[in-house]
Amino acid sequence: MRIVVSDSSCLIDLHKVSMLELLLRLPYEFLIPNTLAAEHAIEVQGVLWVLDQLHANRLTPTQAVLDVLRAFVEDATVRLPRRELSAYLKRYESLK
C-alpha cells in the first residue's frame, strides 16, 4: 500500500468541506506530521491532489469537487495558491 503524508492544514480544509471521511476511503495509508516525510523520503501531497484522487477513484463527482474548490476560494483561512485554485476550477468546469 502506498504511504502518503498529509499535513494538518490539508486535513482541516477537507474537514471544512465534509471530505475527510472520503479521504480515508482512498487506497492509501496516511501519516502525520510532515516531518516523517523528510526522515523517510515519503511522498507528500496536498489537498488539491486529494481532490484529484477522490475524483479519479470515483468517490466524488465532478460537481462536488467544483463545490469544494469554490468553497476554498471563498474561505480566507484556506491558504492555497490562488493561481492553482483557478486552474483547478477551470479544469473541473471543463469536465461538466
C-alpha atoms as a PDB file:
ATOM      1  CA  MET A   1       0.000   0.000   0.000  1.00  0.00           C
ATOM      2  CA  ARG A   2       1.265   3.469  -0.853  1.00  0.00           C
ATOM      3  CA  ILE A   3       2.024   5.807   2.044  1.00  0.00           C
ATOM      4  CA  VAL A   4       1.058   9.458   1.749  1.00  0.00           C
ATOM      5  CA  VAL A   5       1.824  12.149   4.299  1.00  0.00           C
ATOM      6  CA  SER A   6      -0.673  14.942   4.747  1.00  0.00           C
ATOM      7  CA  ASP A   7      -0.165  17.995   6.925  1.00  0.00           C
ATOM      8  CA  SER A   8      -2.816  19.138   9.353  1.00  0.00           C
ATOM      9  CA  SER A   9      -3.921  22.128   7.238  1.00  0.00           C
ATOM     10  CA  CYS A  10      -4.892  19.749   4.437  1.00  0.00           C
ATOM     11  CA  LEU A  11      -6.976  17.719   6.877  1.00  0.00           C
ATOM     12  CA  ILE A  12      -8.584  20.861   8.307  1.00  0.00           C
ATOM     13  CA  ASP A  13      -9.507  22.095   4.811  1.00  0.00           C
ATOM     14  CA  LEU A  14     -11.013  18.713   3.910  1.00  0.00           C
ATOM     15  CA  HIS A  15     -12.948  18.633   7.176  1.00  0.00           C
ATOM     16  CA  LYS A  16     -14.439  22.073   6.436  1.00  0.00           C
ATOM     17  CA  VAL A  17     -15.971  20.763   3.223  1.00  0.00           C
ATOM     18  CA  SER A  18     -17.015  17.355   4.624  1.00  0.00           C
ATOM     19  CA  MET A  19     -14.468  15.384   2.588  1.00  0.00           C
ATOM     20  CA  LEU A  20     -12.334  13.937   5.373  1.00  0.00           C
ATOM     21  CA  GLU A  21     -14.275  10.673   5.530  1.00  0.00           C
ATOM     22  CA  LEU A  22     -13.909  10.240   1.757  1.00  0.00           C
ATOM     23  CA  LEU A  23     -10.171  10.817   2.047  1.00  0.00           C
ATOM     24  CA  LEU A  24      -9.920   7.837   4.357  1.00  0.00           C
ATOM     25  CA  ARG A  25     -11.657   5.656   1.765  1.00  0.00           C
ATOM     26  CA  LEU A  26      -8.788   6.138  -0.688  1.00  0.00           C
ATOM     27  CA  PRO A  27      -6.424   3.165  -1.049  1.00  0.00           C
ATOM     28  CA  TYR A  28      -3.574   4.845   0.855  1.00  0.00           C
ATOM     29  CA  GLU A  29      -2.145   4.921   4.338  1.00  0.00           C
ATOM     30  CA  PHE A  30      -1.959   8.432   5.798  1.00  0.00           C
ATOM     31  CA  LEU A  31       0.722   9.513   8.249  1.00  0.00           C
ATOM     32  CA  ILE A  32       1.042  12.827  10.089  1.00  0.00           C
ATOM     33  CA  PRO A  33       3.155  15.058  10.568  1.00  0.00           C
ATOM     34  CA  ASN A  34       5.263  16.174   7.604  1.00  0.00           C
ATOM     35  CA  THR A  35       8.496  15.538   9.472  1.00  0.00           C
ATOM     36  CA  LEU A  36       8.013  11.838   8.739  1.00  0.00           C
ATOM     37  CA  ALA A  37       8.314  12.609   5.035  1.00  0.00           C
ATOM     38  CA  ALA A  38      11.720  14.213   5.396  1.00  0.00           C
ATOM     39  CA  GLU A  39      13.009  11.358   7.533  1.00  0.00           C
ATOM     40  CA  HIS A  40      11.739   8.543   5.317  1.00  0.00           C
ATOM     41  CA  ALA A  41      11.619  10.055   1.794  1.00  0.00           C
ATOM     42  CA  ILE A  42       7.844   9.606   1.662  1.00  0.00           C
ATOM     43  CA  GLU A  43       5.819  11.373  -0.994  1.00  0.00           C
ATOM     44  CA  VAL A  44       3.946  14.437   0.289  1.00  0.00           C
ATOM     45  CA  GLN A  45       0.771  15.641  -1.392  1.00  0.00           C
ATOM     46  CA  GLY A  46      -1.706  18.398  -0.631  1.00  0.00           C
ATOM     47  CA  VAL A  47      -5.429  18.942  -0.621  1.00  0.00           C
ATOM     48  CA  LEU A  48      -5.718  19.557  -4.379  1.00  0.00           C
ATOM     49  CA  TRP A  49      -4.075  16.207  -5.055  1.00  0.00           C
ATOM     50  CA  VAL A  50      -6.553  14.630  -2.639  1.00  0.00           C
ATOM     51  CA  LEU A  51      -9.453  16.104  -4.627  1.00  0.00           C
ATOM     52  CA  ASP A  52      -7.957  14.663  -7.812  1.00  0.00           C
ATOM     53  CA  GLN A  53      -7.650  11.258  -6.166  1.00  0.00           C
ATOM     54  CA  LEU A  54     -11.210  11.333  -4.799  1.00  0.00           C
ATOM     55  CA  HIS A  55     -12.450  12.154  -8.287  1.00  0.00           C
ATOM     56  CA  ALA A  56     -10.192   9.659 -10.081  1.00  0.00           C
ATOM     57  CA  ASN A  57     -11.249   6.887  -7.678  1.00  0.00           C
ATOM     58  CA  ARG A  58     -14.909   7.790  -8.284  1.00  0.00           C
ATOM     59  CA  LEU A  59     -15.529   8.641  -4.643  1.00  0.00           C
ATOM     60  CA  THR A  60     -16.887  12.077  -5.506  1.00  0.00           C
ATOM     61  CA  PRO A  61     -18.477  13.513  -8.660  1.00  0.00           C
ATOM     62  CA  THR A  62     -17.171  16.481 -10.639  1.00  0.00           C
ATOM     63  CA  GLN A  63     -19.807  18.837  -9.236  1.00  0.00           C
ATOM     64  CA  ALA A  64     -18.781  18.028  -5.664  1.00  0.00           C
ATOM     65  CA  VAL A  65     -15.147  18.807  -6.487  1.00  0.00           C
ATOM     66  CA  LEU A  66     -16.244  22.102  -8.022  1.00  0.00           C
ATOM     67  CA  ASP A  67     -18.264  22.937  -4.910  1.00  0.00           C
ATOM     68  CA  VAL A  68     -15.237  22.224  -2.716  1.00  0.00           C
ATOM     69  CA  LEU A  69     -12.927  24.316  -4.901  1.00  0.00           C
ATOM     70  CA  ARG A  70     -15.383  27.229  -4.804  1.00  0.00           C
ATOM     71  CA  ALA A  71     -15.635  26.919  -1.026  1.00  0.00           C
ATOM     72  CA  PHE A  72     -11.844  27.038  -0.796  1.00  0.00           C
ATOM     73  CA  VAL A  73     -11.749  30.175  -2.969  1.00  0.00           C
ATOM     74  CA  GLU A  74     -14.286  31.909  -0.716  1.00  0.00           C
ATOM     75  CA  ASP A  75     -12.662  30.849   2.579  1.00  0.00           C
ATOM     76  CA  ALA A  76      -9.928  33.294   3.608  1.00  0.00           C
ATOM     77  CA  THR A  77      -8.482  30.739   6.036  1.00  0.00           C
ATOM     78  CA  VAL A  78      -7.716  28.281   3.218  1.00  0.00           C
ATOM     79  CA  ARG A  79      -4.198  29.145   2.146  1.00  0.00           C
ATOM     80  CA  LEU A  80      -3.862  27.540  -1.249  1.00  0.00           C
ATOM     81  CA  PRO A  81      -2.221  29.285  -4.205  1.00  0.00           C
ATOM     82  CA  ARG A  82      -4.964  31.292  -5.924  1.00  0.00           C
ATOM     83  CA  ARG A  83      -3.498  30.708  -9.377  1.00  0.00           C
ATOM     84  CA  GLU A  84      -3.530  26.953  -8.840  1.00  0.00           C
ATOM     85  CA  LEU A  85      -7.082  27.064  -7.438  1.00  0.00           C
ATOM     86  CA  SER A  86      -8.216  28.959 -10.540  1.00  0.00           C
ATOM     87  CA  ALA A  87      -6.551  26.388 -12.788  1.00  0.00           C
ATOM     88  CA  TYR A  88      -8.283  23.562 -10.921  1.00  0.00           C
ATOM     89  CA  LEU A  89     -11.648  25.314 -11.208  1.00  0.00           C
ATOM     90  CA  LYS A  90     -11.201  25.694 -14.964  1.00  0.00           C
ATOM     91  CA  ARG A  91     -10.133  22.083 -15.360  1.00  0.00           C
ATOM     92  CA  TYR A  92     -13.082  20.671 -13.417  1.00  0.00           C
ATOM     93  CA  GLU A  93     -15.555  23.068 -15.061  1.00  0.00           C
ATOM     94  CA  SER A  94     -14.448  21.653 -18.413  1.00  0.00           C
ATOM     95  CA  LEU A  95     -15.384  18.150 -17.201  1.00  0.00           C
ATOM     96  CA  LYS A  96     -19.027  19.036 -16.540  1.00  0.00           C
END
